[in-house]
Amino acid sequence: MFSSVGWGEIFLLVVVGLVVIGPERLPRVIQDVRAAIFAARTAIDNAKKTLDDDFGSEFDDIRKPLTQVAQYTRMSPKTAITKALFDGDNTLVDSFDPKKIMAADTEGAAQRNNETPNNNATVVQRPDSQQSQPVQQSTQQQKQGPKYSGGVSWTDIL
């Protein structure tokens, strides 16, 4: 009931209480409010016990589905689905976890990382950085202009 009340609201209530009630009577009012809340909780608990004693066996048929619904509301969606459909067996749902699927190396990534050629084809290695190319080549390219137009060249592929 009071789970959405923040510290700001509590502070505001204390300040209003000090102004309206006064600092002399405020502790006594707080004690009276606490006693009223305690009495209400005790009365509710006694009413529950009386109803359980009078109609306990008759309400068992209703109580079981209600407790099951209450359990589902406390669960996460994934847990509720696995409990309802798979009787709590998470192995099938965990096998479809995208994080686990994406964490594993794909065939293409494993093939790119493999340094040995598959069928005696020549492998051309790319330089790791553009700065490792000789300076003379870059000056020649400036004089001749670009060798290609359109954004993709064979040097990017090889």
C-alpha atoms as a PDB file:
ATOM      1  CA  MET A   1       0.000   0.000   0.000  1.00  0.00           C
ATOM      2  CA  PHE A   2       2.726   2.462   0.929  1.00  0.00           C
ATOM      3  CA  SER A   3       5.385   1.058  -1.395  1.00  0.00           C
ATOM      4  CA  SER A   4       5.087   4.013  -3.771  1.00  0.00           C
ATOM      5  CA  VAL A   5       5.598   6.621  -1.027  1.00  0.00           C
ATOM      6  CA  GLY A   6       9.076   8.117  -1.240  1.00  0.00           C
ATOM      7  CA  TRP A   7      11.209   9.928   1.289  1.00  0.00           C
ATOM      8  CA  GLY A   8      10.128  13.294  -0.106  1.00  0.00           C
ATOM      9  CA  GLU A   9       6.473  12.582   0.620  1.00  0.00           C
ATOM     10  CA  ILE A  10       7.282  11.330   4.125  1.00  0.00           C
ATOM     11  CA  PHE A  11       9.286  14.482   4.831  1.00  0.00           C
ATOM     12  CA  LEU A  12       6.388  16.605   3.537  1.00  0.00           C
ATOM     13  CA  LEU A  13       3.949  14.782   5.851  1.00  0.00           C
ATOM     14  CA  VAL A  14       6.235  15.364   8.848  1.00  0.00           C
ATOM     15  CA  VAL A  15       6.515  19.083   8.046  1.00  0.00           C
ATOM     16  CA  VAL A  16       2.739  19.411   7.589  1.00  0.00           C
ATOM     17  CA  GLY A  17       2.235  17.467  10.822  1.00  0.00           C
ATOM     18  CA  LEU A  18       4.574  19.816  12.670  1.00  0.00           C
ATOM     19  CA  VAL A  19       2.745  22.860  11.348  1.00  0.00           C
ATOM     20  CA  VAL A  20      -0.831  21.615  11.809  1.00  0.00           C
ATOM     21  CA  ILE A  21      -0.546  19.510  14.971  1.00  0.00           C
ATOM     22  CA  GLY A  22       2.391  21.209  16.600  1.00  0.00           C
ATOM     23  CA  PRO A  23       5.619  19.758  17.934  1.00  0.00           C
ATOM     24  CA  GLU A  24       4.196  19.116  21.426  1.00  0.00           C
ATOM     25  CA  ARG A  25       1.340  16.840  20.332  1.00  0.00           C
ATOM     26  CA  LEU A  26       2.996  15.223  17.263  1.00  0.00           C
ATOM     27  CA  PRO A  27       4.665  12.259  19.101  1.00  0.00           C
ATOM     28  CA  ARG A  28       1.361  11.318  20.758  1.00  0.00           C
ATOM     29  CA  VAL A  29      -0.481  11.475  17.388  1.00  0.00           C
ATOM     30  CA  ILE A  30       2.167   9.244  15.790  1.00  0.00           C
ATOM     31  CA  GLN A  31       1.722   6.680  18.584  1.00  0.00           C
ATOM     32  CA  ASP A  32      -2.064   6.764  18.127  1.00  0.00           C
ATOM     33  CA  VAL A  33      -1.747   6.225  14.352  1.00  0.00           C
ATOM     34  CA  ARG A  34       0.641   3.287  14.897  1.00  0.00           C
ATOM     35  CA  ALA A  35      -1.785   1.755  17.412  1.00  0.00           C
ATOM     36  CA  ALA A  36      -4.693   2.141  14.962  1.00  0.00           C
ATOM     37  CA  ILE A  37      -2.703   0.451  12.168  1.00  0.00           C
ATOM     38  CA  PHE A  38      -1.727  -2.393  14.514  1.00  0.00           C
ATOM     39  CA  ALA A  39      -5.361  -2.841  15.609  1.00  0.00           C
ATOM     40  CA  ALA A  40      -6.523  -2.948  11.972  1.00  0.00           C
ATOM     41  CA  ARG A  41      -3.920  -5.588  11.083  1.00  0.00           C
ATOM     42  CA  THR A  42      -4.907  -7.675  14.101  1.00  0.00           C
ATOM     43  CA  ALA A  43      -8.602  -7.460  13.168  1.00  0.00           C
ATOM     44  CA  ILE A  44      -7.856  -8.522   9.575  1.00  0.00           C
ATOM     45  CA  ASP A  45      -5.759 -11.481  10.762  1.00  0.00           C
ATOM     46  CA  ASN A  46      -8.511 -12.563  13.169  1.00  0.00           C
ATOM     47  CA  ALA A  47     -11.117 -12.371  10.389  1.00  0.00           C
ATOM     48  CA  LYS A  48      -8.903 -14.516   8.128  1.00  0.00           C
ATOM     49  CA  LYS A  49      -8.483 -17.122  10.875  1.00  0.00           C
ATOM     50  CA  THR A  50     -12.225 -17.199  11.528  1.00  0.00           C
ATOM     51  CA  LEU A  51     -13.013 -17.681   7.835  1.00  0.00           C
ATOM     52  CA  ASP A  52     -10.369 -20.389   7.527  1.00  0.00           C
ATOM     53  CA  ASP A  53     -11.800 -22.237  10.520  1.00  0.00           C
ATOM     54  CA  ASP A  54     -15.411 -21.963   9.312  1.00  0.00           C
ATOM     55  CA  PHE A  55     -14.955 -22.568   5.577  1.00  0.00           C
ATOM     56  CA  GLY A  56     -11.433 -23.995   5.355  1.00  0.00           C
ATOM     57  CA  SER A  57     -12.180 -27.259   3.579  1.00  0.00           C
ATOM     58  CA  GLU A  58     -14.758 -25.690   1.253  1.00  0.00           C
ATOM     59  CA  PHE A  59     -12.382 -22.993   0.040  1.00  0.00           C
ATOM     60  CA  ASP A  60      -9.497 -25.361  -0.733  1.00  0.00           C
ATOM     61  CA  ASP A  61     -10.812 -25.821  -4.277  1.00  0.00           C
ATOM     62  CA  ILE A  62     -10.737 -22.048  -4.785  1.00  0.00           C
ATOM     63  CA  ARG A  63      -7.544 -21.421  -2.843  1.00  0.00           C
ATOM     64  CA  LYS A  64      -5.316 -23.704  -4.969  1.00  0.00           C
ATOM     65  CA  PRO A  65      -5.881 -21.894  -8.306  1.00  0.00           C
ATOM     66  CA  LEU A  66      -5.557 -18.537  -6.576  1.00  0.00           C
ATOM     67  CA  THR A  67      -2.204 -19.462  -5.055  1.00  0.00           C
ATOM     68  CA  GLN A  68      -1.053 -20.749  -8.444  1.00  0.00           C
ATOM     69  CA  VAL A  69      -2.013 -17.444 -10.092  1.00  0.00           C
ATOM     70  CA  ALA A  70      -0.223 -15.565  -7.319  1.00  0.00           C
ATOM     71  CA  GLN A  71       2.902 -17.650  -7.958  1.00  0.00           C
ATOM     72  CA  TYR A  72       2.745 -16.860 -11.692  1.00  0.00           C
ATOM     73  CA  THR A  73       2.480 -13.131 -11.004  1.00  0.00           C
ATOM     74  CA  ARG A  74       5.670 -13.260  -8.926  1.00  0.00           C
ATOM     75  CA  MET A  75       7.574 -15.071 -11.706  1.00  0.00           C
ATOM     76  CA  SER A  76       9.342 -13.587 -14.671  1.00  0.00           C
ATOM     77  CA  PRO A  77       7.712 -14.228 -18.069  1.00  0.00           C
ATOM     78  CA  LYS A  78      10.367 -16.792 -19.013  1.00  0.00           C
ATOM     79  CA  THR A  79       9.938 -18.733 -15.769  1.00  0.00           C
ATOM     80  CA  ALA A  80       6.143 -18.669 -16.019  1.00  0.00           C
ATOM     81  CA  ILE A  81       6.217 -20.037 -19.580  1.00  0.00           C
ATOM     82  CA  THR A  82       8.646 -22.830 -18.717  1.00  0.00           C
ATOM     83  CA  LYS A  83       6.618 -23.796 -15.647  1.00  0.00           C
ATOM     84  CA  ALA A  84       3.300 -23.803 -17.516  1.00  0.00           C
ATOM     85  CA  LEU A  85       4.440 -25.468 -20.742  1.00  0.00           C
ATOM     86  CA  PHE A  86       7.478 -27.552 -19.802  1.00  0.00           C
ATOM     87  CA  ASP A  87       6.871 -28.291 -16.082  1.00  0.00           C
ATOM     88  CA  GLY A  88       9.860 -26.173 -15.058  1.00  0.00           C
ATOM     89  CA  ASP A  89      12.361 -27.792 -17.461  1.00  0.00           C
ATOM     90  CA  ASN A  90      14.524 -24.884 -18.686  1.00  0.00           C
ATOM     91  CA  THR A  91      16.738 -26.871 -21.072  1.00  0.00           C
ATOM     92  CA  LEU A  92      14.564 -26.298 -24.142  1.00  0.00           C
ATOM     93  CA  VAL A  93      14.087 -22.594 -23.464  1.00  0.00           C
ATOM     94  CA  ASP A  94      17.779 -22.093 -22.653  1.00  0.00           C
ATOM     95  CA  SER A  95      18.753 -23.694 -25.955  1.00  0.00           C
ATOM     96  CA  PHE A  96      16.999 -20.787 -27.721  1.00  0.00           C
ATOM     97  CA  ASP A  97      18.853 -18.123 -25.728  1.00  0.00           C
ATOM     98  CA  PRO A  98      20.127 -15.565 -28.281  1.00  0.00           C
ATOM     99  CA  LYS A  99      23.016 -14.534 -26.036  1.00  0.00           C
ATOM    100  CA  LYS A 100      24.353 -18.087 -25.976  1.00  0.00           C
ATOM    101  CA  ILE A 101      23.828 -18.514 -29.707  1.00  0.00           C
ATOM    102  CA  MET A 102      25.635 -15.286 -30.572  1.00  0.00           C
ATOM    103  CA  ALA A 103      28.470 -15.988 -28.115  1.00  0.00           C
ATOM    104  CA  ALA A 104      29.471 -19.150 -29.980  1.00  0.00           C
ATOM    105  CA  ASP A 105      31.731 -18.759 -33.028  1.00  0.00           C
ATOM    106  CA  THR A 106      29.888 -18.954 -36.280  1.00  0.00           C
ATOM    107  CA  GLU A 107      31.225 -20.992 -39.181  1.00  0.00           C
ATOM    108  CA  GLY A 108      32.170 -17.880 -41.150  1.00  0.00           C
ATOM    109  CA  ALA A 109      34.095 -16.356 -38.250  1.00  0.00           C
ATOM    110  CA  ALA A 110      35.942 -19.614 -37.652  1.00  0.00           C
ATOM    111  CA  GLN A 111      36.816 -19.820 -41.350  1.00  0.00           C
ATOM    112  CA  ARG A 112      38.092 -16.229 -41.433  1.00  0.00           C
ATOM    113  CA  ASN A 113      40.294 -16.867 -38.415  1.00  0.00           C
ATOM    114  CA  ASN A 114      41.707 -20.046 -39.947  1.00  0.00           C
ATOM    115  CA  GLU A 115      45.112 -19.244 -41.503  1.00  0.00           C
ATOM    116  CA  THR A 116      45.624 -22.491 -43.423  1.00  0.00           C
ATOM    117  CA  PRO A 117      44.205 -22.512 -46.974  1.00  0.00           C
ATOM    118  CA  ASN A 118      41.687 -25.211 -47.774  1.00  0.00           C
ATOM    119  CA  ASN A 119      42.693 -26.179 -51.320  1.00  0.00           C
ATOM    120  CA  ASN A 120      46.196 -25.095 -52.320  1.00  0.00           C
ATOM    121  CA  ALA A 121      44.937 -21.715 -53.477  1.00  0.00           C
ATOM    122  CA  THR A 122      47.183 -18.735 -53.073  1.00  0.00           C
ATOM    123  CA  VAL A 123      46.363 -16.633 -50.086  1.00  0.00           C
ATOM    124  CA  VAL A 124      46.998 -12.921 -50.285  1.00  0.00           C
ATOM    125  CA  GLN A 125      47.401 -11.312 -46.908  1.00  0.00           C
ATOM    126  CA  ARG A 126      46.169  -7.827 -46.294  1.00  0.00           C
ATOM    127  CA  PRO A 127      48.471  -5.379 -44.569  1.00  0.00           C
ATOM    128  CA  ASP A 128      47.383  -4.748 -40.986  1.00  0.00           C
ATOM    129  CA  SER A 129      47.402  -1.002 -41.347  1.00  0.00           C
ATOM    130  CA  GLN A 130      47.600   1.487 -44.153  1.00  0.00           C
ATOM    131  CA  GLN A 131      50.663   3.105 -42.617  1.00  0.00           C
ATOM    132  CA  SER A 132      52.784   0.037 -43.371  1.00  0.00           C
ATOM    133  CA  GLN A 133      52.627   0.803 -47.114  1.00  0.00           C
ATOM    134  CA  PRO A 134      55.637   2.634 -48.512  1.00  0.00           C
ATOM    135  CA  VAL A 135      55.458   6.377 -48.699  1.00  0.00           C
ATOM    136  CA  GLN A 136      56.441   6.355 -52.373  1.00  0.00           C
ATOM    137  CA  GLN A 137      53.298   4.469 -53.313  1.00  0.00           C
ATOM    138  CA  SER A 138      51.070   7.058 -51.649  1.00  0.00           C
ATOM    139  CA  THR A 139      52.823   9.915 -53.448  1.00  0.00           C
ATOM    140  CA  GLN A 140      52.434   8.105 -56.779  1.00  0.00           C
ATOM    141  CA  GLN A 141      48.723   7.686 -56.147  1.00  0.00           C
ATOM    142  CA  GLN A 142      48.395  11.400 -55.507  1.00  0.00           C
ATOM    143  CA  LYS A 143      50.041  12.201 -58.840  1.00  0.00           C
ATOM    144  CA  GLN A 144      48.006   9.695 -60.849  1.00  0.00           C
ATOM    145  CA  GLY A 145      44.720  10.309 -59.082  1.00  0.00           C
ATOM    146  CA  PRO A 146      42.389   7.600 -57.857  1.00  0.00           C
ATOM    147  CA  LYS A 147      42.599   4.254 -59.641  1.00  0.00           C
ATOM    148  CA  TYR A 148      38.928   3.550 -59.223  1.00  0.00           C
ATOM    149  CA  SER A 149      35.676   5.350 -58.830  1.00  0.00           C
ATOM    150  CA  GLY A 150      32.731   4.131 -56.865  1.00  0.00           C
ATOM    151  CA  GLY A 151      34.047   3.335 -53.386  1.00  0.00           C
ATOM    152  CA  VAL A 152      35.189  -0.305 -53.785  1.00  0.00           C
ATOM    153  CA  SER A 153      38.436  -1.542 -55.274  1.00  0.00           C
ATOM    154  CA  TRP A 154      40.201  -4.879 -55.615  1.00  0.00           C
ATOM    155  CA  THR A 155      42.752  -3.764 -53.032  1.00  0.00           C
ATOM    156  CA  ASP A 156      39.986  -3.685 -50.441  1.00  0.00           C
ATOM    157  CA  ILE A 157      39.083  -7.284 -51.185  1.00  0.00           C
ATOM    158  CA  LEU A 158      42.580  -8.719 -51.478  1.00  0.00           C
END
